[in-house]
Protein backbone atom coordinates (compact mmCIF):
# COMPACT_ATOMS: atom_id res chain seq x y z
CA MET A 1 -10.84 -15.68 12.81
CA ALA A 2 -9.91 -12.13 11.76
CA ARG A 3 -6.29 -11.36 11.03
CA ASP A 4 -4.33 -8.57 12.64
CA ILE A 5 -3.41 -5.44 10.71
CA PRO A 6 -1.69 -5.52 8.29
CA SER A 7 -3.18 -8.18 6.11
CA ILE A 8 -3.66 -9.13 2.49
CA GLU A 9 -7.38 -8.96 3.13
CA GLN A 10 -7.01 -5.33 4.15
CA GLY A 11 -5.06 -4.65 0.93
CA ILE A 12 -7.87 -6.17 -1.13
CA ALA A 13 -10.47 -4.10 0.73
CA GLU A 14 -8.46 -0.95 0.01
CA ALA A 15 -8.27 -1.90 -3.67
CA PHE A 16 -12.07 -2.21 -3.77
CA LYS A 17 -12.36 1.33 -2.42
CA ILE A 18 -10.24 2.51 -5.35
CA LEU A 19 -11.44 0.33 -8.23
CA LYS A 20 -14.89 -0.97 -7.21
CA ASP A 21 -16.04 -4.40 -8.43
CA ILE A 22 -15.94 -3.59 -12.14
CA GLY A 23 -12.46 -2.11 -11.90
CA ILE A 24 -11.15 -5.22 -10.15
CA GLU A 25 -12.70 -7.46 -12.79
CA GLU A 26 -11.27 -5.33 -15.62
CA ALA A 27 -7.83 -5.23 -14.02
CA ILE A 28 -7.71 -9.02 -13.79
CA LYS A 29 -8.90 -9.49 -17.36
CA LYS A 30 -6.56 -6.82 -18.76
CA ASN A 31 -3.44 -7.98 -16.92
CA THR A 32 -3.91 -11.75 -16.69
CA GLY A 33 -6.46 -12.65 -19.36
CA LYS A 34 -8.54 -14.41 -16.69
CA ILE A 35 -12.19 -13.70 -16.06
CA LYS A 36 -13.06 -13.61 -12.37
CA SER A 37 -15.92 -11.83 -10.68
CA GLY A 38 -15.55 -8.98 -8.22
CA SER A 39 -17.48 -11.08 -5.72
CA TYR A 40 -14.73 -13.72 -5.83
CA PHE A 41 -12.17 -11.10 -4.79
CA ARG A 42 -14.55 -9.73 -2.15
CA SER A 43 -14.55 -13.24 -0.67
CA CYS A 44 -10.74 -13.13 -0.72
CA SER A 45 -10.91 -10.02 1.47
CA ASP A 46 -12.75 -11.98 4.15
CA PRO A 47 -10.21 -13.66 6.45
CA ASP A 48 -12.85 -16.19 7.50
CA THR A 49 -13.22 -17.74 4.02
CA ALA A 50 -11.04 -20.32 2.32
CA HIS A 51 -10.61 -18.18 -0.82
CA LYS A 52 -7.11 -16.84 -1.31
CA ILE A 53 -5.87 -14.41 -3.94
CA ASP A 54 -3.29 -15.53 -6.51
CA HIS A 55 -0.06 -13.56 -6.69
CA ILE A 56 -0.64 -12.68 -10.36
CA ASP A 57 -4.06 -11.26 -9.42
CA SER A 58 -2.48 -9.14 -6.67
CA LEU A 59 -0.09 -7.70 -9.22
CA ALA A 60 -2.92 -7.04 -11.68
CA ILE A 61 -4.86 -5.16 -9.00
CA ASP A 62 -1.82 -3.09 -8.03
CA TYR A 63 -1.08 -2.27 -11.68
CA GLU A 64 -4.60 -0.93 -12.09
CA CYS A 65 -4.55 1.00 -8.81
CA LEU A 66 -1.21 2.48 -9.82
CA GLU A 67 -2.75 3.74 -13.06
CA VAL A 68 -5.90 5.05 -11.34
CA ASN A 69 -4.45 6.86 -8.33
CA GLY A 70 -0.77 5.96 -7.99
CA SER A 71 -1.24 3.57 -5.07
CA THR A 72 -0.31 -0.07 -4.60
CA PRO A 73 -2.49 -1.49 -1.79
CA MET A 74 -1.42 -5.09 -2.30
CA LEU A 75 2.28 -4.22 -2.36
CA SER A 76 1.80 -2.06 0.74
CA ALA A 77 0.16 -4.99 2.53
CA HIS A 78 3.00 -7.32 1.52
CA GLU A 79 5.64 -4.79 2.57
CA ALA A 80 3.97 -4.33 5.95
CA LEU A 81 3.72 -8.09 6.52
CA VAL A 82 7.38 -8.59 5.61
CA ALA A 83 8.45 -5.67 7.85
CA LYS A 84 6.41 -7.09 10.71
CA HIS A 85 8.00 -10.53 10.22
CA LEU A 86 11.47 -8.97 10.03
CA ASP A 87 10.91 -7.28 13.37
CA LYS A 88 9.75 -10.61 14.79
CA ILE A 89 12.81 -12.55 13.64
CA LYS A 90 15.11 -9.79 14.89
CA GLY A 91 13.55 -10.28 18.30
CA GLU A 92 12.14 -6.78 18.48
CA GLN A 93 8.86 -6.69 20.39
CA SER A 94 8.09 -3.16 19.29
CA ARG A 95 9.89 0.02 18.50
CA ASP A 96 9.99 2.85 20.99
CA VAL A 97 7.21 5.39 20.32
CA ASN A 98 9.61 8.33 20.77
CA LEU A 99 11.94 6.91 18.12
CA LEU A 100 8.97 6.36 15.82
CA MET A 101 7.86 9.96 16.31
CA ASN A 102 11.37 11.16 15.42
CA ASP A 103 11.32 8.98 12.32
CA LEU A 104 7.84 10.24 11.46
CA GLY A 105 9.01 13.86 11.65
CA ARG A 106 11.98 13.13 9.39
CA ILE A 107 9.87 11.20 6.89
CA ILE A 108 7.23 13.96 6.79
CA GLY A 109 10.03 16.46 6.11
CA ASP A 110 11.38 14.27 3.30
CA PHE A 111 7.84 13.89 1.91
CA GLN A 112 7.30 17.65 1.91
CA SER A 113 10.65 18.24 0.21
CA THR A 114 9.75 15.69 -2.46
CA ILE A 115 6.37 17.33 -3.12
CA HIS A 116 7.75 20.88 -3.14
CA GLY A 117 10.63 19.87 -5.39
CA ALA A 118 8.33 18.10 -7.83
CA GLN A 119 5.96 21.07 -8.02
CA ALA A 120 8.63 23.75 -8.31
CA GLU A 121 8.37 25.78 -11.48
CA ASP A 122 11.97 24.92 -12.35
CA SER A 123 11.41 21.16 -11.92
CA PRO A 124 11.35 18.96 -15.07
CA GLY A 125 7.54 19.07 -15.33
CA GLY A 126 7.08 22.53 -13.85
CA VAL A 127 4.12 22.53 -11.48
CA GLU A 128 2.81 19.29 -13.04
CA PHE A 129 4.22 15.93 -11.94
CA THR A 130 6.31 14.00 -14.45
CA ALA A 131 6.20 10.19 -14.44
CA GLU A 132 9.54 10.10 -12.60
CA GLU A 133 8.30 12.62 -10.02
CA ARG A 134 5.14 10.55 -9.47
CA VAL A 135 7.31 7.52 -8.70
CA LEU A 136 9.35 9.56 -6.19
CA VAL A 137 6.21 10.98 -4.56
CA ASN A 138 4.63 7.52 -4.31
CA LYS A 139 7.84 6.16 -2.78
CA ALA A 140 7.74 8.96 -0.20
CA ILE A 141 4.07 8.17 0.50
CA ARG A 142 4.92 4.48 1.03
CA LYS A 143 7.62 5.47 3.54
CA LEU A 144 5.08 7.60 5.36
CA GLU A 145 2.52 4.78 5.31
CA SER A 146 5.14 2.36 6.61
CA ILE A 147 6.11 4.50 9.61
CA LEU A 148 2.43 5.10 10.39
CA LEU A 149 1.87 1.35 10.25
CA TYR A 150 4.76 0.76 12.68
CA LEU A 151 3.22 3.38 14.96
CA LYS A 152 -0.19 1.62 14.79
CA ILE A 153 1.43 -1.74 15.54
CA THR A 154 3.45 -0.32 18.43
CA ILE A 155 0.51 1.48 20.00
CA GLY A 156 -1.85 -1.39 19.27
CA ASP A 157 -4.61 -0.88 16.72
CA SER A 158 -7.90 -2.45 17.64
């Protein structure tokens, strides 16, 4: 039985797009000392199998994705699942689309300000991103991803 979006399985699938099998295997070995095949983690991305990913392996995959392209697909999946659960326990069925669109506009504005500020010639790294600026940009991207996820959930992604 397939799981609804968001899911850990979807996070794993996204990590495979970034790292490929060999990158997943190397990330696990480098960060945990364990040797596991990429095919094992591919089976973890299938909601119909009994294989489940260990938390330490999720972290190892996110660490590697963070180094490769600044993303954290496993953390994003966890954040989305927690946000979805929080809405459930608060009794919210869904957020109003108009409110989401307002939030989206604000978050896009914040994202653009973050990017422009980080690439300004008078910023700490000049037109190049510093490590601190990368963290701020990735945080802004996660906020954007989160509001888009809420929008998908509210509208109903099939």
